Amino acid sequence: MAQEVETSTAGPSSSISGVQVAHTAQRTTVRITGSGEFRYQTTRLEDPARLVLDFVDTSLAVSRHTVPSKYAPVRGVRLWQSKPGLSRVVIDLFKFVPYSVEANGSELAISFVAAMRRPSFRRLGNP
């Protein structure tokens, strides 16, 4: 009796269609949007500092593969399709700071907490 093997020629089940960098209060957020549910793995790399997100079973559907940033600690974001079904998003950083990832179906928000500045004190002259 022959064994039947089921194969699929369907493409990736999700796609990345947009990346934005925004800043509010003490937080810089990289928002990745698309379709389908994202499955990803994060890796921190140094020299230079960057956060890498590898998305499996995902294709890129973006018009730009680089997104500049005006907001620290994010220098910019780079995207590419390293092989079919595997998309990589690299968030280049000035330095590592605490971050959080919030996933909501086909949207992923990576928020970086801006480094707090120490208050500066001025010495007042004698009255």
PDB file of N, CA and C in Angstrom:
ATOM      1  N   MET A   1       0.844  -1.176   0.000  1.00  0.00           N
ATOM      2  CA  MET A   1       0.000   0.000   0.000  1.00  0.00           C
ATOM      3  C   MET A   1       0.889   1.239   0.000  1.00  0.00           C
ATOM      4  N   ALA A   2       0.645   2.117  -0.917  1.00  0.00           N
ATOM      5  CA  ALA A   2       1.443   3.344  -1.030  1.00  0.00           C
ATOM      6  C   ALA A   2       0.996   4.344   0.018  1.00  0.00           C
ATOM      7  N   GLN A   3       1.978   5.064   0.534  1.00  0.00           N
ATOM      8  CA  GLN A   3       1.655   6.097   1.523  1.00  0.00           C
ATOM      9  C   GLN A   3       1.526   7.425   0.804  1.00  0.00           C
ATOM     10  N   GLU A   4       0.485   8.136   1.128  1.00  0.00           N
ATOM     11  CA  GLU A   4       0.239   9.421   0.495  1.00  0.00           C
ATOM     12  C   GLU A   4       0.838  10.527   1.360  1.00  0.00           C
ATOM     13  N   VAL A   5       1.597  11.406   0.730  1.00  0.00           N
ATOM     14  CA  VAL A   5       2.216  12.520   1.436  1.00  0.00           C
ATOM     15  C   VAL A   5       1.554  13.798   0.963  1.00  0.00           C
ATOM     16  N   GLU A   6       1.084  14.558   1.913  1.00  0.00           N
ATOM     17  CA  GLU A   6       0.414  15.812   1.582  1.00  0.00           C
ATOM     18  C   GLU A   6       1.447  16.927   1.507  1.00  0.00           C
ATOM     19  N   THR A   7       1.475  17.624   0.397  1.00  0.00           N
ATOM     20  CA  THR A   7       2.392  18.756   0.252  1.00  0.00           C
ATOM     21  C   THR A   7       1.585  20.004  -0.020  1.00  0.00           C
ATOM     22  N   SER A   8       2.162  21.110   0.357  1.00  0.00           N
ATOM     23  CA  SER A   8       1.470  22.383   0.169  1.00  0.00           C
ATOM     24  C   SER A   8       2.316  23.293  -0.706  1.00  0.00           C
ATOM     25  N   THR A   9       1.695  23.879  -1.698  1.00  0.00           N
ATOM     26  CA  THR A   9       2.397  24.834  -2.547  1.00  0.00           C
ATOM     27  C   THR A   9       1.947  26.249  -2.220  1.00  0.00           C
ATOM     28  N   ALA A  10       1.178  26.383  -1.174  1.00  0.00           N
ATOM     29  CA  ALA A  10       0.694  27.712  -0.774  1.00  0.00           C
ATOM     30  C   ALA A  10       1.862  28.553  -0.282  1.00  0.00           C
ATOM     31  N   GLY A  11       1.745  29.839  -0.459  1.00  0.00           N
ATOM     32  CA  GLY A  11       2.787  30.752  -0.005  1.00  0.00           C
ATOM     33  C   GLY A  11       2.701  30.982   1.490  1.00  0.00           C
ATOM     34  N   PRO A  12       3.507  31.907   1.973  1.00  0.00           N
ATOM     35  CA  PRO A  12       3.503  32.232   3.407  1.00  0.00           C
ATOM     36  C   PRO A  12       2.113  32.638   3.883  1.00  0.00           C
ATOM     37  N   SER A  13       1.830  32.330   5.147  1.00  0.00           N
ATOM     38  CA  SER A  13       0.495  32.617   5.682  1.00  0.00           C
ATOM     39  C   SER A  13       0.359  34.035   6.213  1.00  0.00           C
ATOM     40  N   SER A  14       1.460  34.777   6.314  1.00  0.00           N
ATOM     41  CA  SER A  14       1.367  36.174   6.752  1.00  0.00           C
ATOM     42  C   SER A  14       2.322  37.026   5.938  1.00  0.00           C
ATOM     43  N   SER A  15       2.083  38.330   5.961  1.00  0.00           N
ATOM     44  CA  SER A  15       2.962  39.245   5.236  1.00  0.00           C
ATOM     45  C   SER A  15       3.138  40.532   6.029  1.00  0.00           C
ATOM     46  N   ILE A  16       4.292  41.151   5.840  1.00  0.00           N
ATOM     47  CA  ILE A  16       4.600  42.449   6.449  1.00  0.00           C
ATOM     48  C   ILE A  16       4.392  43.499   5.379  1.00  0.00           C
ATOM     49  N   SER A  17       3.508  44.461   5.643  1.00  0.00           N
ATOM     50  CA  SER A  17       3.206  45.469   4.635  1.00  0.00           C
ATOM     51  C   SER A  17       3.582  46.885   5.061  1.00  0.00           C
ATOM     52  N   GLY A  18       3.946  47.068   6.332  1.00  0.00           N
ATOM     53  CA  GLY A  18       4.305  48.420   6.751  1.00  0.00           C
ATOM     54  C   GLY A  18       5.134  48.446   8.019  1.00  0.00           C
ATOM     55  N   VAL A  19       6.007  49.447   8.107  1.00  0.00           N
ATOM     56  CA  VAL A  19       6.811  49.678   9.307  1.00  0.00           C
ATOM     57  C   VAL A  19       6.837  51.176   9.555  1.00  0.00           C
ATOM     58  N   GLN A  20       6.555  51.560  10.792  1.00  0.00           N
ATOM     59  CA  GLN A  20       6.575  52.974  11.182  1.00  0.00           C
ATOM     60  C   GLN A  20       7.358  53.118  12.474  1.00  0.00           C
ATOM     61  N   VAL A  21       8.010  54.272  12.622  1.00  0.00           N
ATOM     62  CA  VAL A  21       8.692  54.612  13.866  1.00  0.00           C
ATOM     63  C   VAL A  21       8.006  55.854  14.414  1.00  0.00           C
ATOM     64  N   ALA A  22       7.570  55.793  15.673  1.00  0.00           N
ATOM     65  CA  ALA A  22       6.861  56.914  16.292  1.00  0.00           C
ATOM     66  C   ALA A  22       7.426  57.151  17.685  1.00  0.00           C
ATOM     67  N   HIS A  23       7.161  58.348  18.204  1.00  0.00           N
ATOM     68  CA  HIS A  23       7.657  58.698  19.531  1.00  0.00           C
ATOM     69  C   HIS A  23       6.545  59.383  20.315  1.00  0.00           C
ATOM     70  N   THR A  24       6.335  58.901  21.541  1.00  0.00           N
ATOM     71  CA  THR A  24       5.374  59.533  22.441  1.00  0.00           C
ATOM     72  C   THR A  24       5.966  59.536  23.834  1.00  0.00           C
ATOM     73  N   ALA A  25       5.864  60.634  24.527  1.00  0.00           N
ATOM     74  CA  ALA A  25       6.358  60.777  25.901  1.00  0.00           C
ATOM     75  C   ALA A  25       7.785  60.249  26.009  1.00  0.00           C
ATOM     76  N   GLN A  26       7.995  59.202  26.794  1.00  0.00           N
ATOM     77  CA  GLN A  26       9.334  58.643  27.012  1.00  0.00           C
ATOM     78  C   GLN A  26       9.545  57.342  26.232  1.00  0.00           C
ATOM     79  N   ARG A  27       8.823  57.152  25.149  1.00  0.00           N
ATOM     80  CA  ARG A  27       8.840  55.867  24.452  1.00  0.00           C
ATOM     81  C   ARG A  27       8.970  56.069  22.942  1.00  0.00           C
ATOM     82  N   THR A  28       9.854  55.259  22.329  1.00  0.00           N
ATOM     83  CA  THR A  28       9.939  55.194  20.874  1.00  0.00           C
ATOM     84  C   THR A  28       9.427  53.825  20.469  1.00  0.00           C
ATOM     85  N   THR A  29       8.490  53.793  19.513  1.00  0.00           N
ATOM     86  CA  THR A  29       7.846  52.541  19.133  1.00  0.00           C
ATOM     87  C   THR A  29       8.035  52.265  17.646  1.00  0.00           C
ATOM     88  N   VAL A  30       8.462  51.031  17.340  1.00  0.00           N
ATOM     89  CA  VAL A  30       8.517  50.546  15.963  1.00  0.00           C
ATOM     90  C   VAL A  30       7.287  49.661  15.794  1.00  0.00           C
ATOM     91  N   ARG A  31       6.412  50.055  14.865  1.00  0.00           N
ATOM     92  CA  ARG A  31       5.160  49.318  14.640  1.00  0.00           C
ATOM     93  C   ARG A  31       5.253  48.594  13.294  1.00  0.00           C
ATOM     94  N   ILE A  32       5.077  47.283  13.343  1.00  0.00           N
ATOM     95  CA  ILE A  32       5.119  46.447  12.147  1.00  0.00           C
ATOM     96  C   ILE A  32       3.701  45.954  11.890  1.00  0.00           C
ATOM     97  N   THR A  33       3.194  46.209  10.689  1.00  0.00           N
ATOM     98  CA  THR A  33       1.818  45.826  10.358  1.00  0.00           C
ATOM     99  C   THR A  33       1.820  44.925   9.125  1.00  0.00           C
ATOM    100  N   GLY A  34       0.739  44.164   8.979  1.00  0.00           N
ATOM    101  CA  GLY A  34       0.620  43.288   7.824  1.00  0.00           C
ATOM    102  C   GLY A  34      -0.662  42.504   7.858  1.00  0.00           C
ATOM    103  N   SER A  35      -0.573  41.273   7.386  1.00  0.00           N
ATOM    104  CA  SER A  35      -1.749  40.400   7.377  1.00  0.00           C
ATOM    105  C   SER A  35      -1.359  39.047   7.948  1.00  0.00           C
ATOM    106  N   GLY A  36      -2.317  38.377   8.525  1.00  0.00           N
ATOM    107  CA  GLY A  36      -2.049  37.089   9.163  1.00  0.00           C
ATOM    108  C   GLY A  36      -1.443  37.292  10.540  1.00  0.00           C
ATOM    109  N   GLU A  37      -1.221  36.199  11.234  1.00  0.00           N
ATOM    110  CA  GLU A  37      -0.645  36.279  12.578  1.00  0.00           C
ATOM    111  C   GLU A  37       0.860  36.108  12.490  1.00  0.00           C
ATOM    112  N   PHE A  38       1.591  37.030  13.117  1.00  0.00           N
ATOM    113  CA  PHE A  38       3.043  36.989  13.063  1.00  0.00           C
ATOM    114  C   PHE A  38       3.611  35.958  14.025  1.00  0.00           C
ATOM    115  N   ARG A  39       4.565  35.162  13.539  1.00  0.00           N
ATOM    116  CA  ARG A  39       5.359  34.264  14.377  1.00  0.00           C
ATOM    117  C   ARG A  39       6.805  34.706  14.194  1.00  0.00           C
ATOM    118  N   TYR A  40       7.457  35.025  15.294  1.00  0.00           N
ATOM    119  CA  TYR A  40       8.775  35.644  15.189  1.00  0.00           C
ATOM    120  C   TYR A  40       9.663  35.238  16.355  1.00  0.00           C
ATOM    121  N   GLN A  41      10.949  35.523  16.184  1.00  0.00           N
ATOM    122  CA  GLN A  41      11.946  35.302  17.229  1.00  0.00           C
ATOM    123  C   GLN A  41      12.831  36.545  17.267  1.00  0.00           C
ATOM    124  N   THR A  42      13.177  37.005  18.478  1.00  0.00           N
ATOM    125  CA  THR A  42      14.034  38.186  18.609  1.00  0.00           C
ATOM    126  C   THR A  42      15.440  37.771  19.035  1.00  0.00           C
ATOM    127  N   THR A  43      16.423  38.549  18.558  1.00  0.00           N
ATOM    128  CA  THR A  43      17.820  38.349  18.915  1.00  0.00           C
ATOM    129  C   THR A  43      18.470  39.713  19.077  1.00  0.00           C
ATOM    130  N   ARG A  44      19.209  39.880  20.177  1.00  0.00           N
ATOM    131  CA  ARG A  44      19.968  41.108  20.391  1.00  0.00           C
ATOM    132  C   ARG A  44      21.381  40.900  19.890  1.00  0.00           C
ATOM    133  N   LEU A  45      21.859  41.841  19.072  1.00  0.00           N
ATOM    134  CA  LEU A  45      23.224  41.777  18.561  1.00  0.00           C
ATOM    135  C   LEU A  45      23.946  43.069  18.922  1.00  0.00           C
ATOM    136  N   GLU A  46      25.259  42.974  19.075  1.00  0.00           N
ATOM    137  CA  GLU A  46      26.052  44.145  19.445  1.00  0.00           C
ATOM    138  C   GLU A  46      27.111  44.440  18.393  1.00  0.00           C
ATOM    139  N   ASP A  47      27.671  45.619  18.510  1.00  0.00           N
ATOM    140  CA  ASP A  47      28.755  46.098  17.628  1.00  0.00           C
ATOM    141  C   ASP A  47      28.362  46.113  16.177  1.00  0.00           C
ATOM    142  N   PRO A  48      27.436  46.891  15.726  1.00  0.00           N
ATOM    143  CA  PRO A  48      26.668  47.890  16.467  1.00  0.00           C
ATOM    144  C   PRO A  48      25.417  47.284  17.118  1.00  0.00           C
ATOM    145  N   ALA A  49      24.834  48.026  18.051  1.00  0.00           N
ATOM    146  CA  ALA A  49      23.641  47.567  18.776  1.00  0.00           C
ATOM    147  C   ALA A  49      22.453  47.470  17.820  1.00  0.00           C
ATOM    148  N   ARG A  50      21.756  46.325  17.879  1.00  0.00           N
ATOM    149  CA  ARG A  50      20.561  46.153  17.049  1.00  0.00           C
ATOM    150  C   ARG A  50      19.707  45.019  17.604  1.00  0.00           C
ATOM    151  N   LEU A  51      18.422  45.127  17.326  1.00  0.00           N
ATOM    152  CA  LEU A  51      17.460  44.095  17.691  1.00  0.00           C
ATOM    153  C   LEU A  51      16.972  43.475  16.388  1.00  0.00           C
ATOM    154  N   VAL A  52      17.108  42.153  16.270  1.00  0.00           N
ATOM    155  CA  VAL A  52      16.740  41.443  15.047  1.00  0.00           C
ATOM    156  C   VAL A  52      15.477  40.634  15.310  1.00  0.00           C
ATOM    157  N   LEU A  53      14.514  40.751  14.416  1.00  0.00           N
ATOM    158  CA  LEU A  53      13.288  39.963  14.491  1.00  0.00           C
ATOM    159  C   LEU A  53      13.198  39.113  13.229  1.00  0.00           C
ATOM    160  N   ASP A  54      13.182  37.795  13.404  1.00  0.00           N
ATOM    161  CA  ASP A  54      13.022  36.871  12.288  1.00  0.00           C
ATOM    162  C   ASP A  54      11.589  36.357  12.296  1.00  0.00           C
ATOM    163  N   PHE A  55      10.892  36.576  11.188  1.00  0.00           N
ATOM    164  CA  PHE A  55       9.497  36.173  11.035  1.00  0.00           C
ATOM    165  C   PHE A  55       9.430  34.942  10.144  1.00  0.00           C
ATOM    166  N   VAL A  56       8.837  33.859  10.649  1.00  0.00           N
ATOM    167  CA  VAL A  56       8.700  32.634   9.855  1.00  0.00           C
ATOM    168  C   VAL A  56       7.350  32.623   9.152  1.00  0.00           C
ATOM    169  N   ASP A  57       7.329  31.923   8.018  1.00  0.00           N
ATOM    170  CA  ASP A  57       6.113  31.789   7.213  1.00  0.00           C
ATOM    171  C   ASP A  57       5.538  33.167   6.867  1.00  0.00           C
ATOM    172  N   THR A  58       6.449  34.071   6.492  1.00  0.00           N
ATOM    173  CA  THR A  58       6.073  35.468   6.241  1.00  0.00           C
ATOM    174  C   THR A  58       6.756  35.985   4.982  1.00  0.00           C
ATOM    175  N   SER A  59       6.049  36.802   4.232  1.00  0.00           N
ATOM    176  CA  SER A  59       6.633  37.457   3.063  1.00  0.00           C
ATOM    177  C   SER A  59       6.640  38.966   3.288  1.00  0.00           C
ATOM    178  N   LEU A  60       7.468  39.660   2.529  1.00  0.00           N
ATOM    179  CA  LEU A  60       7.510  41.117   2.606  1.00  0.00           C
ATOM    180  C   LEU A  60       6.656  41.704   1.489  1.00  0.00           C
ATOM    181  N   ALA A  61       5.823  42.659   1.832  1.00  0.00           N
ATOM    182  CA  ALA A  61       4.985  43.358   0.860  1.00  0.00           C
ATOM    183  C   ALA A  61       5.128  44.855   1.132  1.00  0.00           C
ATOM    184  N   VAL A  62       6.376  45.318   1.179  1.00  0.00           N
ATOM    185  CA  VAL A  62       6.661  46.716   1.498  1.00  0.00           C
ATOM    186  C   VAL A  62       7.244  47.418   0.279  1.00  0.00           C
ATOM    187  N   SER A  63       7.050  48.731   0.213  1.00  0.00           N
ATOM    188  CA  SER A  63       7.619  49.490  -0.895  1.00  0.00           C
ATOM    189  C   SER A  63       9.027  49.979  -0.566  1.00  0.00           C
ATOM    190  N   ARG A  64       9.316  50.152   0.737  1.00  0.00           N
ATOM    191  CA  ARG A  64      10.656  50.591   1.160  1.00  0.00           C
ATOM    192  C   ARG A  64      11.259  49.537   2.076  1.00  0.00           C
ATOM    193  N   HIS A  65      12.544  49.278   1.876  1.00  0.00           N
ATOM    194  CA  HIS A  65      13.221  48.282   2.706  1.00  0.00           C
ATOM    195  C   HIS A  65      14.077  48.920   3.790  1.00  0.00           C
ATOM    196  N   THR A  66      14.049  50.230   3.879  1.00  0.00           N
ATOM    197  CA  THR A  66      14.703  50.948   4.977  1.00  0.00           C
ATOM    198  C   THR A  66      13.749  52.038   5.460  1.00  0.00           C
ATOM    199  N   VAL A  67      13.677  52.202   6.776  1.00  0.00           N
ATOM    200  CA  VAL A  67      12.834  53.227   7.374  1.00  0.00           C
ATOM    201  C   VAL A  67      13.716  54.030   8.327  1.00  0.00           C
ATOM    202  N   PRO A  68      13.946  55.299   8.015  1.00  0.00           N
ATOM    203  CA  PRO A  68      14.782  56.113   8.908  1.00  0.00           C
ATOM    204  C   PRO A  68      14.031  56.479  10.187  1.00  0.00           C
ATOM    205  N   SER A  69      14.797  56.857  11.203  1.00  0.00           N
ATOM    206  CA  SER A  69      14.181  57.276  12.468  1.00  0.00           C
ATOM    207  C   SER A  69      14.811  58.571  12.937  1.00  0.00           C
ATOM    208  N   LYS A  70      13.986  59.438  13.487  1.00  0.00           N
ATOM    209  CA  LYS A  70      14.436  60.684  14.106  1.00  0.00           C
ATOM    210  C   LYS A  70      14.452  60.550  15.623  1.00  0.00           C
ATOM    211  N   TYR A  71      14.057  59.385  16.138  1.00  0.00           N
ATOM    212  CA  TYR A  71      13.827  59.232  17.569  1.00  0.00           C
ATOM    213  C   TYR A  71      14.768  58.207  18.201  1.00  0.00           C
ATOM    214  N   ALA A  72      15.556  58.672  19.156  1.00  0.00           N
ATOM    215  CA  ALA A  72      16.456  57.780  19.903  1.00  0.00           C
ATOM    216  C   ALA A  72      15.605  56.833  20.736  1.00  0.00           C
ATOM    217  N   PRO A  73      16.050  55.643  20.954  1.00  0.00           N
ATOM    218  CA  PRO A  73      17.354  55.084  20.616  1.00  0.00           C
ATOM    219  C   PRO A  73      17.401  54.418  19.246  1.00  0.00           C
ATOM    220  N   VAL A  74      16.320  54.543  18.441  1.00  0.00           N
ATOM    221  CA  VAL A  74      16.247  53.860  17.146  1.00  0.00           C
ATOM    222  C   VAL A  74      16.930  54.701  16.068  1.00  0.00           C
ATOM    223  N   ARG A  75      17.936  54.123  15.423  1.00  0.00           N
ATOM    224  CA  ARG A  75      18.614  54.788  14.293  1.00  0.00           C
ATOM    225  C   ARG A  75      17.793  54.641  13.018  1.00  0.00           C
ATOM    226  N   GLY A  76      17.226  53.436  12.849  1.00  0.00           N
ATOM    227  CA  GLY A  76      16.468  53.138  11.647  1.00  0.00           C
ATOM    228  C   GLY A  76      16.083  51.672  11.644  1.00  0.00           C
ATOM    229  N   VAL A  77      15.313  51.280  10.624  1.00  0.00           N
ATOM    230  CA  VAL A  77      14.831  49.903  10.515  1.00  0.00           C
ATOM    231  C   VAL A  77      15.134  49.412   9.100  1.00  0.00           C
ATOM    232  N   ARG A  78      15.643  48.178   9.009  1.00  0.00           N
ATOM    233  CA  ARG A  78      15.925  47.548   7.720  1.00  0.00           C
ATOM    234  C   ARG A  78      15.118  46.260   7.611  1.00  0.00           C
ATOM    235  N   LEU A  79      14.613  45.977   6.406  1.00  0.00           N
ATOM    236  CA  LEU A  79      13.807  44.775   6.172  1.00  0.00           C
ATOM    237  C   LEU A  79      14.322  44.043   4.949  1.00  0.00           C
ATOM    238  N   TRP A  80      14.311  42.726   5.010  1.00  0.00           N
ATOM    239  CA  TRP A  80      14.595  41.945   3.817  1.00  0.00           C
ATOM    240  C   TRP A  80      14.081  40.534   3.969  1.00  0.00           C
ATOM    241  N   GLN A  81      13.971  39.903   2.813  1.00  0.00           N
ATOM    242  CA  GLN A  81      13.502  38.525   2.732  1.00  0.00           C
ATOM    243  C   GLN A  81      14.757  37.683   2.525  1.00  0.00           C
ATOM    244  N   SER A  82      15.239  37.025   3.593  1.00  0.00           N
ATOM    245  CA  SER A  82      16.491  36.279   3.491  1.00  0.00           C
ATOM    246  C   SER A  82      16.342  35.001   2.666  1.00  0.00           C
ATOM    247  N   LYS A  83      15.177  34.387   2.733  1.00  0.00           N
ATOM    248  CA  LYS A  83      14.835  33.242   1.889  1.00  0.00           C
ATOM    249  C   LYS A  83      13.323  33.139   1.866  1.00  0.00           C
ATOM    250  N   PRO A  84      12.753  32.382   0.939  1.00  0.00           N
ATOM    251  CA  PRO A  84      11.289  32.298   0.868  1.00  0.00           C
ATOM    252  C   PRO A  84      10.678  31.888   2.210  1.00  0.00           C
ATOM    253  N   GLY A  85       9.703  32.655   2.656  1.00  0.00           N
ATOM    254  CA  GLY A  85       9.009  32.349   3.901  1.00  0.00           C
ATOM    255  C   GLY A  85       9.680  32.873   5.148  1.00  0.00           C
ATOM    256  N   LEU A  86      10.871  33.476   5.025  1.00  0.00           N
ATOM    257  CA  LEU A  86      11.573  34.019   6.189  1.00  0.00           C
ATOM    258  C   LEU A  86      11.900  35.482   5.950  1.00  0.00           C
ATOM    259  N   SER A  87      11.292  36.350   6.754  1.00  0.00           N
ATOM    260  CA  SER A  87      11.532  37.787   6.650  1.00  0.00           C
ATOM    261  C   SER A  87      12.306  38.240   7.874  1.00  0.00           C
ATOM    262  N   ARG A  88      13.207  39.187   7.672  1.00  0.00           N
ATOM    263  CA  ARG A  88      14.011  39.711   8.781  1.00  0.00           C
ATOM    264  C   ARG A  88      13.816  41.217   8.876  1.00  0.00           C
ATOM    265  N   VAL A  89      13.597  41.663  10.127  1.00  0.00           N
ATOM    266  CA  VAL A  89      13.497  43.089  10.426  1.00  0.00           C
ATOM    267  C   VAL A  89      14.606  43.400  11.428  1.00  0.00           C
ATOM    268  N   VAL A  90      15.461  44.354  11.077  1.00  0.00           N
ATOM    269  CA  VAL A  90      16.558  44.750  11.952  1.00  0.00           C
ATOM    270  C   VAL A  90      16.308  46.177  12.410  1.00  0.00           C
ATOM    271  N   ILE A  91      16.261  46.361  13.721  1.00  0.00           N
ATOM    272  CA  ILE A  91      16.100  47.697  14.300  1.00  0.00           C
ATOM    273  C   ILE A  91      17.479  48.123  14.786  1.00  0.00           C
ATOM    274  N   ASP A  92      18.083  49.073  14.064  1.00  0.00           N
ATOM    275  CA  ASP A  92      19.403  49.581  14.435  1.00  0.00           C
ATOM    276  C   ASP A  92      19.239  50.586  15.569  1.00  0.00           C
ATOM    277  N   LEU A  93      20.077  50.447  16.594  1.00  0.00           N
ATOM    278  CA  LEU A  93      19.965  51.265  17.800  1.00  0.00           C
ATOM    279  C   LEU A  93      21.241  52.056  18.063  1.00  0.00           C
ATOM    280  N   PHE A  94      21.092  53.218  18.700  1.00  0.00           N
ATOM    281  CA  PHE A  94      22.254  53.962  19.177  1.00  0.00           C
ATOM    282  C   PHE A  94      22.875  53.218  20.353  1.00  0.00           C
ATOM    283  N   LYS A  95      22.009  52.660  21.214  1.00  0.00           N
ATOM    284  CA  LYS A  95      22.439  51.843  22.346  1.00  0.00           C
ATOM    285  C   LYS A  95      21.242  51.027  22.814  1.00  0.00           C
ATOM    286  N   PHE A  96      21.536  49.946  23.560  1.00  0.00           N
ATOM    287  CA  PHE A  96      20.449  49.127  24.088  1.00  0.00           C
ATOM    288  C   PHE A  96      19.783  49.825  25.265  1.00  0.00           C
ATOM    289  N   VAL A  97      18.470  49.795  25.276  1.00  0.00           N
ATOM    290  CA  VAL A  97      17.668  50.277  26.393  1.00  0.00           C
ATOM    291  C   VAL A  97      16.573  49.232  26.601  1.00  0.00           C
ATOM    292  N   PRO A  98      15.894  49.251  27.746  1.00  0.00           N
ATOM    293  CA  PRO A  98      14.800  48.290  27.942  1.00  0.00           C
ATOM    294  C   PRO A  98      13.745  48.421  26.843  1.00  0.00           C
ATOM    295  N   TYR A  99      13.193  47.281  26.436  1.00  0.00           N
ATOM    296  CA  TYR A  99      12.145  47.294  25.412  1.00  0.00           C
ATOM    297  C   TYR A  99      11.082  46.262  25.756  1.00  0.00           C
ATOM    298  N   SER A 100       9.927  46.431  25.132  1.00  0.00           N
ATOM    299  CA  SER A 100       8.842  45.469  25.281  1.00  0.00           C
ATOM    300  C   SER A 100       8.244  45.219  23.904  1.00  0.00           C
ATOM    301  N   VAL A 101       7.652  44.036  23.745  1.00  0.00           N
ATOM    302  CA  VAL A 101       7.012  43.670  22.480  1.00  0.00           C
ATOM    303  C   VAL A 101       5.563  43.345  22.772  1.00  0.00           C
ATOM    304  N   GLU A 102       4.678  43.981  22.022  1.00  0.00           N
ATOM    305  CA  GLU A 102       3.249  43.716  22.170  1.00  0.00           C
ATOM    306  C   GLU A 102       2.710  43.236  20.831  1.00  0.00           C
ATOM    307  N   ALA A 103       2.190  42.013  20.821  1.00  0.00           N
ATOM    308  CA  ALA A 103       1.649  41.427  19.597  1.00  0.00           C
ATOM    309  C   ALA A 103       0.135  41.448  19.643  1.00  0.00           C
ATOM    310  N   ASN A 104      -0.456  41.816  18.515  1.00  0.00           N
ATOM    311  CA  ASN A 104      -1.904  41.835  18.401  1.00  0.00           C
ATOM    312  C   ASN A 104      -2.260  41.367  16.994  1.00  0.00           C
ATOM    313  N   GLY A 105      -2.278  40.048  16.787  1.00  0.00           N
ATOM    314  CA  GLY A 105      -2.608  39.494  15.471  1.00  0.00           C
ATOM    315  C   GLY A 105      -1.598  39.902  14.424  1.00  0.00           C
ATOM    316  N   SER A 106      -2.018  40.722  13.482  1.00  0.00           N
ATOM    317  CA  SER A 106      -1.141  41.135  12.385  1.00  0.00           C
ATOM    318  C   SER A 106      -0.468  42.481  12.653  1.00  0.00           C
ATOM    319  N   GLU A 107      -0.314  42.824  13.925  1.00  0.00           N
ATOM    320  CA  GLU A 107       0.389  44.048  14.294  1.00  0.00           C
ATOM    321  C   GLU A 107       1.325  43.743  15.456  1.00  0.00           C
ATOM    322  N   LEU A 108       2.531  44.279  15.357  1.00  0.00           N
ATOM    323  CA  LEU A 108       3.542  44.070  16.383  1.00  0.00           C
ATOM    324  C   LEU A 108       4.119  45.429  16.741  1.00  0.00           C
ATOM    325  N   ALA A 109       4.176  45.738  18.033  1.00  0.00           N
ATOM    326  CA  ALA A 109       4.724  47.022  18.488  1.00  0.00           C
ATOM    327  C   ALA A 109       5.914  46.739  19.399  1.00  0.00           C
ATOM    328  N   ILE A 110       7.083  47.248  19.009  1.00  0.00           N
ATOM    329  CA  ILE A 110       8.287  47.107  19.815  1.00  0.00           C
ATOM    330  C   ILE A 110       8.568  48.484  20.394  1.00  0.00           C
ATOM    331  N   SER A 111       8.438  48.615  21.713  1.00  0.00           N
ATOM    332  CA  SER A 111       8.595  49.919  22.373  1.00  0.00           C
ATOM    333  C   SER A 111       9.884  49.955  23.164  1.00  0.00           C
ATOM    334  N   PHE A 112      10.628  51.029  22.955  1.00  0.00           N
ATOM    335  CA  PHE A 112      11.889  51.250  23.658  1.00  0.00           C
ATOM    336  C   PHE A 112      11.688  52.403  24.625  1.00  0.00           C
ATOM    337  N   VAL A 113      12.106  52.208  25.859  1.00  0.00           N
ATOM    338  CA  VAL A 113      11.985  53.249  26.868  1.00  0.00           C
ATOM    339  C   VAL A 113      13.172  54.183  26.703  1.00  0.00           C
ATOM    340  N   ALA A 114      12.885  55.462  26.521  1.00  0.00           N
ATOM    341  CA  ALA A 114      13.964  56.439  26.373  1.00  0.00           C
ATOM    342  C   ALA A 114      14.714  56.553  27.689  1.00  0.00           C
ATOM    343  N   ALA A 115      16.008  56.700  27.592  1.00  0.00           N
ATOM    344  CA  ALA A 115      16.826  56.851  28.800  1.00  0.00           C
ATOM    345  C   ALA A 115      16.436  58.136  29.512  1.00  0.00           C
ATOM    346  N   MET A 116      16.239  58.026  30.801  1.00  0.00           N
ATOM    347  CA  MET A 116      15.869  59.191  31.589  1.00  0.00           C
ATOM    348  C   MET A 116      17.091  60.075  31.794  1.00  0.00           C
ATOM    349  N   ARG A 117      16.902  61.357  31.623  1.00  0.00           N
ATOM    350  CA  ARG A 117      17.983  62.297  31.884  1.00  0.00           C
ATOM    351  C   ARG A 117      18.007  62.616  33.360  1.00  0.00           C
ATOM    352  N   ARG A 118      19.192  62.746  33.859  1.00  0.00           N
ATOM    353  CA  ARG A 118      19.318  63.141  35.256  1.00  0.00           C
ATOM    354  C   ARG A 118      18.972  64.620  35.362  1.00  0.00           C
ATOM    355  N   PRO A 119      18.272  64.999  36.407  1.00  0.00           N
ATOM    356  CA  PRO A 119      17.945  66.417  36.548  1.00  0.00           C
ATOM    357  C   PRO A 119      19.220  67.204  36.795  1.00  0.00           C
ATOM    358  N   SER A 120      19.268  68.377  36.192  1.00  0.00           N
ATOM    359  CA  SER A 120      20.444  69.212  36.417  1.00  0.00           C
ATOM    360  C   SER A 120      20.068  70.285  37.442  1.00  0.00           C
ATOM    361  N   PHE A 121      20.976  70.519  38.343  1.00  0.00           N
ATOM    362  CA  PHE A 121      20.746  71.500  39.389  1.00  0.00           C
ATOM    363  C   PHE A 121      21.672  72.682  39.161  1.00  0.00           C
ATOM    364  N   ARG A 122      21.103  73.849  39.269  1.00  0.00           N
ATOM    365  CA  ARG A 122      21.917  75.053  39.149  1.00  0.00           C
ATOM    366  C   ARG A 122      22.113  75.623  40.541  1.00  0.00           C
ATOM    367  N   ARG A 123      23.290  76.034  40.761  1.00  0.00           N
ATOM    368  CA  ARG A 123      23.576  76.663  42.051  1.00  0.00           C
ATOM    369  C   ARG A 123      23.117  78.112  41.980  1.00  0.00           C
ATOM    370  N   LEU A 124      22.262  78.455  42.904  1.00  0.00           N
ATOM    371  CA  LEU A 124      21.752  79.825  42.946  1.00  0.00           C
ATOM    372  C   LEU A 124      22.702  80.698  43.756  1.00  0.00           C
ATOM    373  N   GLY A 125      22.836  81.922  43.316  1.00  0.00           N
ATOM    374  CA  GLY A 125      23.700  82.869  44.048  1.00  0.00           C
ATOM    375  C   GLY A 125      23.065  83.279  45.361  1.00  0.00           C
ATOM    376  N   ASN A 126      23.862  83.817  46.262  1.00  0.00           N
ATOM    377  CA  ASN A 126      23.369  84.310  47.548  1.00  0.00           C
ATOM    378  C   ASN A 126      22.512  85.541  47.343  1.00  0.00           C
ATOM    379  N   PRO A 127      21.398  85.643  48.073  1.00  0.00           N
ATOM    380  CA  PRO A 127      20.517  86.827  47.907  1.00  0.00           C
ATOM    381  C   PRO A 127      21.128  88.075  48.472  1.00  0.00           C
TER     382      PRO A 127
END
